[in-house]
Amino acid sequence: MLVRRALARMAQQRELISQETLTAIEGLSVLRDLTVLTDGDITVDRALEYVVLADAVLYALSSKASS
């Protein structure tokens, strides 16, 4: 959804998240949108890609919080 991506960009501009985190969030958003467009026909590879991106976002956010 464009609103989520806009919020993520705003957070990055305010230096609340890194560029890498923004990229990962945008990737999650794109994958989510693709899933909706494919009527939920999700492949194992796509699901694994989503999990990897989600883990990257969580790691980036936890690293930012502890610094």
Protein backbone atom coordinates (compact mmCIF):
# COMPACT_ATOMS: atom_id res chain seq x y z
CA MET A 1 0.00 0.00 0.00
CA LEU A 2 1.30 3.41 -0.91
CA VAL A 3 0.52 4.86 2.53
CA ARG A 4 2.86 2.39 4.23
CA ARG A 5 5.64 3.17 1.79
CA ALA A 6 5.09 6.90 2.26
CA LEU A 7 5.27 6.51 6.04
CA ALA A 8 8.47 4.48 5.73
CA ARG A 9 10.01 7.14 3.46
CA MET A 10 9.04 9.84 5.96
CA ALA A 11 10.67 7.85 8.78
CA GLN A 12 13.85 7.48 6.73
CA GLN A 13 13.93 11.19 5.90
CA ARG A 14 13.71 11.92 9.62
CA GLU A 15 16.53 9.41 10.18
CA LEU A 16 14.31 7.16 12.29
CA ILE A 17 15.15 4.21 10.04
CA SER A 18 18.07 3.50 7.72
CA GLN A 19 17.97 3.40 3.93
CA GLU A 20 18.37 -0.37 4.16
CA THR A 21 15.31 -0.65 6.41
CA LEU A 22 13.33 1.53 4.03
CA THR A 23 14.31 -0.69 1.12
CA ALA A 24 13.26 -3.81 3.04
CA ILE A 25 9.92 -2.28 4.04
CA GLU A 26 9.25 -1.27 0.45
CA GLY A 27 10.10 -4.81 -0.65
CA LEU A 28 7.64 -6.26 1.85
CA SER A 29 4.99 -3.88 0.62
CA VAL A 30 5.57 -4.84 -3.01
CA LEU A 31 5.44 -8.56 -2.19
CA ARG A 32 2.22 -8.02 -0.26
CA ASP A 33 0.69 -6.17 -3.20
CA LEU A 34 1.76 -8.91 -5.62
CA THR A 35 0.13 -11.51 -3.40
CA VAL A 36 -3.16 -9.63 -3.47
CA LEU A 37 -2.99 -9.37 -7.27
CA THR A 38 -2.34 -13.11 -7.68
CA ASP A 39 -5.49 -14.02 -5.72
CA GLY A 40 -3.42 -15.55 -2.94
CA ASP A 41 -1.64 -18.07 -5.17
CA ILE A 42 1.63 -17.94 -3.23
CA THR A 43 4.64 -20.06 -4.10
CA VAL A 44 7.02 -21.44 -1.50
CA ASP A 45 9.82 -19.29 -2.94
CA ARG A 46 7.73 -16.13 -2.62
CA ALA A 47 6.77 -16.99 0.96
CA LEU A 48 10.42 -17.60 1.85
CA GLU A 49 11.42 -14.30 0.24
CA TYR A 50 8.82 -12.53 2.38
CA VAL A 51 10.14 -14.20 5.54
CA VAL A 52 13.72 -13.18 4.70
CA LEU A 53 12.66 -9.56 4.11
CA ALA A 54 10.59 -9.52 7.30
CA ASP A 55 13.56 -10.85 9.29
CA ALA A 56 15.77 -8.14 7.73
CA VAL A 57 13.34 -5.42 8.79
CA LEU A 58 13.10 -6.79 12.32
CA TYR A 59 16.88 -7.01 12.59
CA ALA A 60 17.36 -3.49 11.26
CA LEU A 61 14.77 -2.06 13.61
CA SER A 62 16.17 -3.86 16.65
CA SER A 63 19.69 -2.70 15.77
CA LYS A 64 18.48 0.89 15.47
CA ALA A 65 16.64 0.67 18.81
CA SER A 66 19.69 -0.59 20.68
CA SER A 67 22.04 2.10 19.31
